[in-house]
């Protein structure tokens, strides 16, 4: 389901996995990127929004996360966050792919 409302997207979610909000064409223009990103300040994943998801919902992120803009410290460091387990599993996945190609 595709929705245009952030709160609606969180409602009843099993997993919250944000998409990168960086503007690739502005990666080398940080001042301009910061100015544009101000209009999306309300898009942050915070505790209030995580409470809209299922009680057992988890927060995932491919890292690095933009703390304070994309996600609050309380969420990424909180009990629903599995970002470090995800990162560890990514390492094992990469090793397995390397082993298969050798």
PDB file of N, CA and C in Angstrom:
ATOM      1  N   UNK A   1       0.843  -1.176   0.000  1.00  0.00           N
ATOM      2  CA  UNK A   1       0.000   0.000   0.000  1.00  0.00           C
ATOM      3  C   UNK A   1       0.889   1.241   0.000  1.00  0.00           C
ATOM      4  N   UNK A   2       0.550   2.198  -0.805  1.00  0.00           N
ATOM      5  CA  UNK A   2       1.285   3.462  -0.874  1.00  0.00           C
ATOM      6  C   UNK A   2       0.422   4.541  -0.249  1.00  0.00           C
ATOM      7  N   UNK A   3       1.003   5.263   0.712  1.00  0.00           N
ATOM      8  CA  UNK A   3       0.278   6.349   1.364  1.00  0.00           C
ATOM      9  C   UNK A   3       1.121   7.615   1.325  1.00  0.00           C
ATOM     10  N   UNK A   4       0.452   8.749   1.441  1.00  0.00           N
ATOM     11  CA  UNK A   4       1.146  10.034   1.427  1.00  0.00           C
ATOM     12  C   UNK A   4       1.209  10.674   2.805  1.00  0.00           C
ATOM     13  N   UNK A   5       0.780   9.941   3.808  1.00  0.00           N
ATOM     14  CA  UNK A   5       0.734  10.472   5.161  1.00  0.00           C
ATOM     15  C   UNK A   5       1.659   9.641   6.039  1.00  0.00           C
ATOM     16  N   UNK A   6       2.622  10.293   6.667  1.00  0.00           N
ATOM     17  CA  UNK A   6       3.617   9.589   7.472  1.00  0.00           C
ATOM     18  C   UNK A   6       2.977   8.776   8.596  1.00  0.00           C
ATOM     19  N   UNK A   7       2.044   9.383   9.324  1.00  0.00           N
ATOM     20  CA  UNK A   7       1.412   8.662  10.428  1.00  0.00           C
ATOM     21  C   UNK A   7       0.653   7.441   9.925  1.00  0.00           C
ATOM     22  N   UNK A   8      -0.040   7.587   8.817  1.00  0.00           N
ATOM     23  CA  UNK A   8      -0.782   6.463   8.240  1.00  0.00           C
ATOM     24  C   UNK A   8       0.169   5.335   7.849  1.00  0.00           C
ATOM     25  N   UNK A   9       1.360   5.683   7.398  1.00  0.00           N
ATOM     26  CA  UNK A   9       2.347   4.674   7.003  1.00  0.00           C
ATOM     27  C   UNK A   9       2.814   3.848   8.206  1.00  0.00           C
ATOM     28  N   UNK A  10       2.855   4.457   9.367  1.00  0.00           N
ATOM     29  CA  UNK A  10       3.307   3.765  10.575  1.00  0.00           C
ATOM     30  C   UNK A  10       2.225   2.896  11.196  1.00  0.00           C
ATOM     31  N   UNK A  11       0.966   3.243  10.980  1.00  0.00           N
ATOM     32  CA  UNK A  11      -0.144   2.558  11.644  1.00  0.00           C
ATOM     33  C   UNK A  11      -0.160   1.060  11.323  1.00  0.00           C
ATOM     34  N   UNK A  12       0.003   0.258  12.366  1.00  0.00           N
ATOM     35  CA  UNK A  12      -0.053  -1.190  12.225  1.00  0.00           C
ATOM     36  C   UNK A  12       1.144  -1.819  11.538  1.00  0.00           C
ATOM     37  N   UNK A  13       2.218  -1.068  11.365  1.00  0.00           N
ATOM     38  CA  UNK A  13       3.398  -1.599  10.672  1.00  0.00           C
ATOM     39  C   UNK A  13       4.102  -2.656  11.515  1.00  0.00           C
ATOM     40  N   UNK A  14       4.629  -3.669  10.844  1.00  0.00           N
ATOM     41  CA  UNK A  14       5.454  -4.688  11.498  1.00  0.00           C
ATOM     42  C   UNK A  14       6.913  -4.240  11.534  1.00  0.00           C
ATOM     43  N   UNK A  15       7.329  -3.575  10.468  1.00  0.00           N
ATOM     44  CA  UNK A  15       8.713  -3.125  10.311  1.00  0.00           C
ATOM     45  C   UNK A  15       8.698  -1.702   9.779  1.00  0.00           C
ATOM     46  N   UNK A  16       9.561  -0.865  10.340  1.00  0.00           N
ATOM     47  CA  UNK A  16       9.745   0.489   9.826  1.00  0.00           C
ATOM     48  C   UNK A  16      11.147   0.526   9.226  1.00  0.00           C
ATOM     49  N   UNK A  17      11.213   0.783   7.927  1.00  0.00           N
ATOM     50  CA  UNK A  17      12.488   0.801   7.212  1.00  0.00           C
ATOM     51  C   UNK A  17      12.505   2.037   6.321  1.00  0.00           C
ATOM     52  N   UNK A  18      13.158   3.115   6.775  1.00  0.00           N
ATOM     53  CA  UNK A  18      13.122   4.362   6.000  1.00  0.00           C
ATOM     54  C   UNK A  18      13.939   4.282   4.721  1.00  0.00           C
ATOM     55  N   UNK A  19      13.478   5.014   3.765  1.00  0.00           N
ATOM     56  CA  UNK A  19      14.204   5.186   2.513  1.00  0.00           C
ATOM     57  C   UNK A  19      15.160   6.358   2.704  1.00  0.00           C
ATOM     58  N   UNK A  20      16.266   6.333   2.014  1.00  0.00           N
ATOM     59  CA  UNK A  20      17.193   7.462   2.078  1.00  0.00           C
ATOM     60  C   UNK A  20      16.511   8.713   1.553  1.00  0.00           C
ATOM     61  N   UNK A  21      16.604   9.773   2.328  1.00  0.00           N
ATOM     62  CA  UNK A  21      15.978  11.024   1.928  1.00  0.00           C
ATOM     63  C   UNK A  21      16.996  11.990   1.351  1.00  0.00           C
ATOM     64  N   UNK A  22      18.217  11.546   1.173  1.00  0.00           N
ATOM     65  CA  UNK A  22      19.243  12.407   0.605  1.00  0.00           C
ATOM     66  C   UNK A  22      18.968  12.701  -0.859  1.00  0.00           C
ATOM     67  N   UNK A  23      19.332  13.876  -1.268  1.00  0.00           N
ATOM     68  CA  UNK A  23      19.152  14.283  -2.657  1.00  0.00           C
ATOM     69  C   UNK A  23      20.492  14.082  -3.357  1.00  0.00           C
ATOM     70  N   UNK A  24      20.577  13.011  -4.132  1.00  0.00           N
ATOM     71  CA  UNK A  24      21.855  12.616  -4.726  1.00  0.00           C
ATOM     72  C   UNK A  24      22.505  13.737  -5.531  1.00  0.00           C
ATOM     73  N   UNK A  25      21.712  14.491  -6.266  1.00  0.00           N
ATOM     74  CA  UNK A  25      22.281  15.564  -7.086  1.00  0.00           C
ATOM     75  C   UNK A  25      22.866  16.691  -6.239  1.00  0.00           C
ATOM     76  N   UNK A  26      22.554  16.704  -4.934  1.00  0.00           N
ATOM     77  CA  UNK A  26      23.061  17.760  -4.055  1.00  0.00           C
ATOM     78  C   UNK A  26      24.118  17.257  -3.071  1.00  0.00           C
ATOM     79  N   UNK A  27      24.621  16.047  -3.260  1.00  0.00           N
ATOM     80  CA  UNK A  27      25.618  15.507  -2.342  1.00  0.00           C
ATOM     81  C   UNK A  27      26.866  16.383  -2.251  1.00  0.00           C
ATOM     82  N   UNK A  28      27.190  17.079  -3.309  1.00  0.00           N
ATOM     83  CA  UNK A  28      28.381  17.936  -3.308  1.00  0.00           C
ATOM     84  C   UNK A  28      28.026  19.397  -3.052  1.00  0.00           C
ATOM     85  N   UNK A  29      26.779  19.644  -2.647  1.00  0.00           N
ATOM     86  CA  UNK A  29      26.317  20.991  -2.318  1.00  0.00           C
ATOM     87  C   UNK A  29      25.603  20.929  -0.965  1.00  0.00           C
ATOM     88  N   UNK A  30      26.357  20.715   0.113  1.00  0.00           N
ATOM     89  CA  UNK A  30      25.726  20.480   1.416  1.00  0.00           C
ATOM     90  C   UNK A  30      24.847  21.625   1.915  1.00  0.00           C
ATOM     91  N   UNK A  31      25.231  22.857   1.645  1.00  0.00           N
ATOM     92  CA  UNK A  31      24.428  23.988   2.118  1.00  0.00           C
ATOM     93  C   UNK A  31      23.047  23.979   1.465  1.00  0.00           C
ATOM     94  N   UNK A  32      23.019  23.743   0.164  1.00  0.00           N
ATOM     95  CA  UNK A  32      21.754  23.702  -0.571  1.00  0.00           C
ATOM     96  C   UNK A  32      20.907  22.506  -0.121  1.00  0.00           C
ATOM     97  N   UNK A  33      21.561  21.384   0.095  1.00  0.00           N
ATOM     98  CA  UNK A  33      20.845  20.186   0.545  1.00  0.00           C
ATOM     99  C   UNK A  33      20.219  20.413   1.920  1.00  0.00           C
ATOM    100  N   UNK A  34      20.957  21.061   2.826  1.00  0.00           N
ATOM    101  CA  UNK A  34      20.424  21.345   4.154  1.00  0.00           C
ATOM    102  C   UNK A  34      19.223  22.275   4.086  1.00  0.00           C
ATOM    103  N   UNK A  35      19.292  23.255   3.216  1.00  0.00           N
ATOM    104  CA  UNK A  35      18.178  24.194   3.061  1.00  0.00           C
ATOM    105  C   UNK A  35      16.922  23.474   2.569  1.00  0.00           C
ATOM    106  N   UNK A  36      17.076  22.619   1.585  1.00  0.00           N
ATOM    107  CA  UNK A  36      15.935  21.876   1.045  1.00  0.00           C
ATOM    108  C   UNK A  36      15.391  20.890   2.079  1.00  0.00           C
ATOM    109  N   UNK A  37      16.285  20.270   2.849  1.00  0.00           N
ATOM    110  CA  UNK A  37      15.848  19.257   3.815  1.00  0.00           C
ATOM    111  C   UNK A  37      15.016  19.841   4.952  1.00  0.00           C
ATOM    112  N   UNK A  38      15.086  21.137   5.172  1.00  0.00           N
ATOM    113  CA  UNK A  38      14.300  21.760   6.246  1.00  0.00           C
ATOM    114  C   UNK A  38      12.806  21.546   6.054  1.00  0.00           C
ATOM    115  N   UNK A  39      12.361  21.482   4.807  1.00  0.00           N
ATOM    116  CA  UNK A  39      10.927  21.298   4.562  1.00  0.00           C
ATOM    117  C   UNK A  39      10.448  19.891   4.915  1.00  0.00           C
ATOM    118  N   UNK A  40      11.379  18.971   5.156  1.00  0.00           N
ATOM    119  CA  UNK A  40      11.029  17.594   5.493  1.00  0.00           C
ATOM    120  C   UNK A  40      11.311  17.267   6.959  1.00  0.00           C
ATOM    121  N   UNK A  41      11.523  18.271   7.779  1.00  0.00           N
ATOM    122  CA  UNK A  41      11.855  18.078   9.193  1.00  0.00           C
ATOM    123  C   UNK A  41      10.803  17.228   9.915  1.00  0.00           C
ATOM    124  N   UNK A  42       9.546  17.355   9.492  1.00  0.00           N
ATOM    125  CA  UNK A  42       8.466  16.610  10.156  1.00  0.00           C
ATOM    126  C   UNK A  42       8.462  15.126   9.782  1.00  0.00           C
ATOM    127  N   UNK A  43       9.320  14.710   8.885  1.00  0.00           N
ATOM    128  CA  UNK A  43       9.363  13.317   8.452  1.00  0.00           C
ATOM    129  C   UNK A  43      10.155  12.423   9.403  1.00  0.00           C
ATOM    130  N   UNK A  44      10.608  12.944  10.512  1.00  0.00           N
ATOM    131  CA  UNK A  44      11.457  12.183  11.426  1.00  0.00           C
ATOM    132  C   UNK A  44      10.715  10.984  12.029  1.00  0.00           C
ATOM    133  N   UNK A  45      11.434   9.908  12.212  1.00  0.00           N
ATOM    134  CA  UNK A  45      10.887   8.734  12.897  1.00  0.00           C
ATOM    135  C   UNK A  45      11.168   8.926  14.386  1.00  0.00           C
ATOM    136  N   UNK A  46      10.110   9.133  15.142  1.00  0.00           N
ATOM    137  CA  UNK A  46      10.257   9.376  16.574  1.00  0.00           C
ATOM    138  C   UNK A  46       9.425   8.373  17.375  1.00  0.00           C
ATOM    139  N   UNK A  47       9.497   8.493  18.689  1.00  0.00           N
ATOM    140  CA  UNK A  47       8.779   7.551  19.552  1.00  0.00           C
ATOM    141  C   UNK A  47       7.269   7.612  19.325  1.00  0.00           C
ATOM    142  N   UNK A  48       6.745   8.797  19.087  1.00  0.00           N
ATOM    143  CA  UNK A  48       5.303   8.929  18.854  1.00  0.00           C
ATOM    144  C   UNK A  48       4.888   8.107  17.645  1.00  0.00           C
ATOM    145  N   UNK A  49       5.653   8.203  16.581  1.00  0.00           N
ATOM    146  CA  UNK A  49       5.312   7.449  15.369  1.00  0.00           C
ATOM    147  C   UNK A  49       5.507   5.950  15.573  1.00  0.00           C
ATOM    148  N   UNK A  50       6.551   5.562  16.275  1.00  0.00           N
ATOM    149  CA  UNK A  50       6.764   4.131  16.515  1.00  0.00           C
ATOM    150  C   UNK A  50       5.623   3.534  17.341  1.00  0.00           C
ATOM    151  N   UNK A  51       4.975   4.343  18.171  1.00  0.00           N
ATOM    152  CA  UNK A  51       3.825   3.854  18.944  1.00  0.00           C
ATOM    153  C   UNK A  51       2.622   3.588  18.047  1.00  0.00           C
ATOM    154  N   UNK A  52       2.606   4.158  16.850  1.00  0.00           N
ATOM    155  CA  UNK A  52       1.531   3.898  15.893  1.00  0.00           C
ATOM    156  C   UNK A  52       1.684   2.516  15.252  1.00  0.00           C
ATOM    157  N   UNK A  53       2.915   2.037  15.219  1.00  0.00           N
ATOM    158  CA  UNK A  53       3.189   0.710  14.651  1.00  0.00           C
ATOM    159  C   UNK A  53       2.754  -0.354  15.659  1.00  0.00           C
ATOM    160  N   UNK A  54       2.805  -1.600  15.230  1.00  0.00           N
ATOM    161  CA  UNK A  54       2.475  -2.692  16.152  1.00  0.00           C
ATOM    162  C   UNK A  54       3.432  -2.671  17.338  1.00  0.00           C
ATOM    163  N   UNK A  55       2.970  -3.183  18.464  1.00  0.00           N
ATOM    164  CA  UNK A  55       3.778  -3.177  19.688  1.00  0.00           C
ATOM    165  C   UNK A  55       5.119  -3.884  19.479  1.00  0.00           C
ATOM    166  N   UNK A  56       5.107  -4.960  18.690  1.00  0.00           N
ATOM    167  CA  UNK A  56       6.332  -5.739  18.459  1.00  0.00           C
ATOM    168  C   UNK A  56       7.091  -5.292  17.204  1.00  0.00           C
ATOM    169  N   UNK A  57       6.699  -4.166  16.623  1.00  0.00           N
ATOM    170  CA  UNK A  57       7.358  -3.664  15.408  1.00  0.00           C
ATOM    171  C   UNK A  57       8.827  -3.353  15.673  1.00  0.00           C
ATOM    172  N   UNK A  58       9.627  -3.492  14.626  1.00  0.00           N
ATOM    173  CA  UNK A  58      11.051  -3.185  14.739  1.00  0.00           C
ATOM    174  C   UNK A  58      11.415  -2.048  13.793  1.00  0.00           C
ATOM    175  N   UNK A  59      12.464  -1.323  14.184  1.00  0.00           N
ATOM    176  CA  UNK A  59      13.005  -0.247  13.363  1.00  0.00           C
ATOM    177  C   UNK A  59      14.298  -0.752  12.734  1.00  0.00           C
ATOM    178  N   UNK A  60      14.374  -0.683  11.411  1.00  0.00           N
ATOM    179  CA  UNK A  60      15.568  -1.107  10.681  1.00  0.00           C
ATOM    180  C   UNK A  60      16.111   0.079   9.895  1.00  0.00           C
ATOM    181  N   UNK A  61      17.400   0.046   9.594  1.00  0.00           N
ATOM    182  CA  UNK A  61      18.021   1.099   8.793  1.00  0.00           C
ATOM    183  C   UNK A  61      19.313   0.541   8.216  1.00  0.00           C
ATOM    184  N   UNK A  62      19.611   0.887   6.975  1.00  0.00           N
ATOM    185  CA  UNK A  62      20.833   0.367   6.344  1.00  0.00           C
ATOM    186  C   UNK A  62      22.088   1.083   6.834  1.00  0.00           C
ATOM    187  N   UNK A  63      21.927   2.187   7.547  1.00  0.00           N
ATOM    188  CA  UNK A  63      23.014   2.987   8.116  1.00  0.00           C
ATOM    189  C   UNK A  63      23.919   3.572   7.026  1.00  0.00           C
ATOM    190  N   UNK A  64      24.526   4.677   7.231  1.00  0.00           N
ATOM    191  CA  UNK A  64      24.445   5.499   8.433  1.00  0.00           C
ATOM    192  C   UNK A  64      23.147   6.289   8.478  1.00  0.00           C
ATOM    193  N   UNK A  65      22.621   6.466   9.657  1.00  0.00           N
ATOM    194  CA  UNK A  65      21.375   7.209   9.847  1.00  0.00           C
ATOM    195  C   UNK A  65      21.691   8.656  10.201  1.00  0.00           C
ATOM    196  N   UNK A  66      20.837   9.537   9.782  1.00  0.00           N
ATOM    197  CA  UNK A  66      20.980  10.962  10.076  1.00  0.00           C
ATOM    198  C   UNK A  66      20.218  11.251  11.366  1.00  0.00           C
ATOM    199  N   UNK A  67      20.910  11.052  12.487  1.00  0.00           N
ATOM    200  CA  UNK A  67      20.283  11.239  13.798  1.00  0.00           C
ATOM    201  C   UNK A  67      19.820  12.684  13.973  1.00  0.00           C
ATOM    202  N   UNK A  68      18.622  12.820  14.500  1.00  0.00           N
ATOM    203  CA  UNK A  68      18.073  14.145  14.745  1.00  0.00           C
ATOM    204  C   UNK A  68      17.326  14.726  13.562  1.00  0.00           C
ATOM    205  N   UNK A  69      17.529  14.162  12.382  1.00  0.00           N
ATOM    206  CA  UNK A  69      16.806  14.605  11.192  1.00  0.00           C
ATOM    207  C   UNK A  69      15.940  13.485  10.635  1.00  0.00           C
ATOM    208  N   UNK A  70      16.514  12.316  10.547  1.00  0.00           N
ATOM    209  CA  UNK A  70      15.818  11.162   9.980  1.00  0.00           C
ATOM    210  C   UNK A  70      15.172  10.315  11.074  1.00  0.00           C
ATOM    211  N   UNK A  71      15.870  10.184  12.180  1.00  0.00           N
ATOM    212  CA  UNK A  71      15.411   9.345  13.289  1.00  0.00           C
ATOM    213  C   UNK A  71      15.933   9.941  14.596  1.00  0.00           C
ATOM    214  N   UNK A  72      15.149   9.792  15.649  1.00  0.00           N
ATOM    215  CA  UNK A  72      15.603  10.278  16.951  1.00  0.00           C
ATOM    216  C   UNK A  72      16.514   9.242  17.602  1.00  0.00           C
ATOM    217  N   UNK A  73      17.356   9.715  18.519  1.00  0.00           N
ATOM    218  CA  UNK A  73      18.221   8.806  19.265  1.00  0.00           C
ATOM    219  C   UNK A  73      17.396   7.778  20.033  1.00  0.00           C
ATOM    220  N   UNK A  74      16.248   8.212  20.567  1.00  0.00           N
ATOM    221  CA  UNK A  74      15.399   7.316  21.356  1.00  0.00           C
ATOM    222  C   UNK A  74      14.917   6.125  20.534  1.00  0.00           C
ATOM    223  N   UNK A  75      14.691   6.321  19.247  1.00  0.00           N
ATOM    224  CA  UNK A  75      14.233   5.217  18.392  1.00  0.00           C
ATOM    225  C   UNK A  75      15.403   4.348  17.965  1.00  0.00           C
ATOM    226  N   UNK A  76      16.449   4.947  17.417  1.00  0.00           N
ATOM    227  CA  UNK A  76      17.547   4.137  16.868  1.00  0.00           C
ATOM    228  C   UNK A  76      18.327   3.412  17.965  1.00  0.00           C
ATOM    229  N   UNK A  77      18.336   3.964  19.177  1.00  0.00           N
ATOM    230  CA  UNK A  77      19.016   3.312  20.294  1.00  0.00           C
ATOM    231  C   UNK A  77      18.043   2.558  21.198  1.00  0.00           C
ATOM    232  N   UNK A  78      16.762   2.572  20.846  1.00  0.00           N
ATOM    233  CA  UNK A  78      15.725   1.995  21.693  1.00  0.00           C
ATOM    234  C   UNK A  78      15.534   0.501  21.508  1.00  0.00           C
ATOM    235  N   UNK A  79      14.622  -0.062  22.279  1.00  0.00           N
ATOM    236  CA  UNK A  79      14.401  -1.512  22.277  1.00  0.00           C
ATOM    237  C   UNK A  79      13.805  -2.059  20.981  1.00  0.00           C
ATOM    238  N   UNK A  80      13.172  -1.212  20.175  1.00  0.00           N
ATOM    239  CA  UNK A  80      12.588  -1.684  18.916  1.00  0.00           C
ATOM    240  C   UNK A  80      13.595  -1.665  17.768  1.00  0.00           C
ATOM    241  N   UNK A  81      14.749  -1.078  18.000  1.00  0.00           N
ATOM    242  CA  UNK A  81      15.749  -0.959  16.944  1.00  0.00           C
ATOM    243  C   UNK A  81      16.546  -2.247  16.783  1.00  0.00           C
ATOM    244  N   UNK A  82      16.690  -2.678  15.533  1.00  0.00           N
ATOM    245  CA  UNK A  82      17.517  -3.845  15.223  1.00  0.00           C
ATOM    246  C   UNK A  82      18.608  -3.462  14.217  1.00  0.00           C
ATOM    247  N   UNK A  83      18.986  -2.185  14.205  1.00  0.00           N
ATOM    248  CA  UNK A  83      19.932  -1.712  13.193  1.00  0.00           C
ATOM    249  C   UNK A  83      21.307  -2.359  13.326  1.00  0.00           C
ATOM    250  N   UNK A  84      21.746  -2.636  14.546  1.00  0.00           N
ATOM    251  CA  UNK A  84      23.076  -3.227  14.698  1.00  0.00           C
ATOM    252  C   UNK A  84      23.070  -4.712  14.348  1.00  0.00           C
ATOM    253  N   UNK A  85      21.983  -5.407  14.657  1.00  0.00           N
ATOM    254  CA  UNK A  85      21.848  -6.802  14.238  1.00  0.00           C
ATOM    255  C   UNK A  85      21.790  -6.873  12.710  1.00  0.00           C
ATOM    256  N   UNK A  86      21.081  -5.927  12.120  1.00  0.00           N
ATOM    257  CA  UNK A  86      20.987  -5.862  10.659  1.00  0.00           C
ATOM    258  C   UNK A  86      22.371  -5.644  10.042  1.00  0.00           C
ATOM    259  N   UNK A  87      23.144  -4.735  10.630  1.00  0.00           N
ATOM    260  CA  UNK A  87      24.490  -4.460  10.118  1.00  0.00           C
ATOM    261  C   UNK A  87      25.381  -5.695  10.246  1.00  0.00           C
ATOM    262  N   UNK A  88      25.271  -6.400  11.364  1.00  0.00           N
ATOM    263  CA  UNK A  88      26.065  -7.615  11.552  1.00  0.00           C
ATOM    264  C   UNK A  88      25.687  -8.670  10.519  1.00  0.00           C
ATOM    265  N   UNK A  89      24.394  -8.836  10.285  1.00  0.00           N
ATOM    266  CA  UNK A  89      23.951  -9.812   9.292  1.00  0.00           C
ATOM    267  C   UNK A  89      24.408  -9.428   7.889  1.00  0.00           C
ATOM    268  N   UNK A  90      24.478  -8.135   7.616  1.00  0.00           N
ATOM    269  CA  UNK A  90      24.952  -7.674   6.307  1.00  0.00           C
ATOM    270  C   UNK A  90      26.408  -8.106   6.098  1.00  0.00           C
ATOM    271  N   UNK A  91      27.204  -8.037   7.156  1.00  0.00           N
ATOM    272  CA  UNK A  91      28.600  -8.462   7.072  1.00  0.00           C
ATOM    273  C   UNK A  91      28.681  -9.939   6.694  1.00  0.00           C
ATOM    274  N   UNK A  92      27.889 -10.773   7.362  1.00  0.00           N
ATOM    275  CA  UNK A  92      27.914 -12.213   7.075  1.00  0.00           C
ATOM    276  C   UNK A  92      27.411 -12.502   5.659  1.00  0.00           C
ATOM    277  N   UNK A  93      26.425 -11.738   5.217  1.00  0.00           N
ATOM    278  CA  UNK A  93      25.908 -11.899   3.854  1.00  0.00           C
ATOM    279  C   UNK A  93      26.992 -11.574   2.836  1.00  0.00           C
ATOM    280  N   UNK A  94      27.699 -10.477   3.064  1.00  0.00           N
ATOM    281  CA  UNK A  94      28.786 -10.093   2.145  1.00  0.00           C
ATOM    282  C   UNK A  94      29.884 -11.150   2.115  1.00  0.00           C
ATOM    283  N   UNK A  95      30.219 -11.695   3.279  1.00  0.00           N
ATOM    284  CA  UNK A  95      31.245 -12.740   3.331  1.00  0.00           C
ATOM    285  C   UNK A  95      30.793 -13.976   2.562  1.00  0.00           C
ATOM    286  N   UNK A  96      29.529 -14.331   2.690  1.00  0.00           N
ATOM    287  CA  UNK A  96      29.006 -15.504   1.979  1.00  0.00           C
ATOM    288  C   UNK A  96      29.040 -15.290   0.472  1.00  0.00           C
ATOM    289  N   UNK A  97      28.685 -14.105   0.038  1.00  0.00           N
ATOM    290  CA  UNK A  97      28.719 -13.803  -1.401  1.00  0.00           C
ATOM    291  C   UNK A  97      30.151 -13.851  -1.917  1.00  0.00           C
ATOM    292  N   UNK A  98      31.094 -13.302  -1.139  1.00  0.00           N
ATOM    293  CA  UNK A  98      32.503 -13.357  -1.543  1.00  0.00           C
ATOM    294  C   UNK A  98      32.973 -14.800  -1.648  1.00  0.00           C
ATOM    295  N   UNK A  99      32.599 -15.620  -0.668  1.00  0.00           N
ATOM    296  CA  UNK A  99      33.016 -17.023  -0.673  1.00  0.00           C
ATOM    297  C   UNK A  99      32.451 -17.760  -1.881  1.00  0.00           C
ATOM    298  N   UNK A 100      31.225 -17.433  -2.253  1.00  0.00           N
ATOM    299  CA  UNK A 100      30.597 -18.095  -3.402  1.00  0.00           C
ATOM    300  C   UNK A 100      31.252 -17.696  -4.725  1.00  0.00           C
ATOM    301  N   UNK A 101      31.842 -16.524  -4.776  1.00  0.00           N
ATOM    302  CA  UNK A 101      32.442 -16.058  -6.031  1.00  0.00           C
ATOM    303  C   UNK A 101      33.920 -16.410  -6.140  1.00  0.00           C
ATOM    304  N   UNK A 102      34.481 -16.995  -5.114  1.00  0.00           N
ATOM    305  CA  UNK A 102      35.917 -17.318  -5.137  1.00  0.00           C
ATOM    306  C   UNK A 102      36.150 -18.671  -5.772  1.00  0.00           C
TER     307      UNK A 102
END
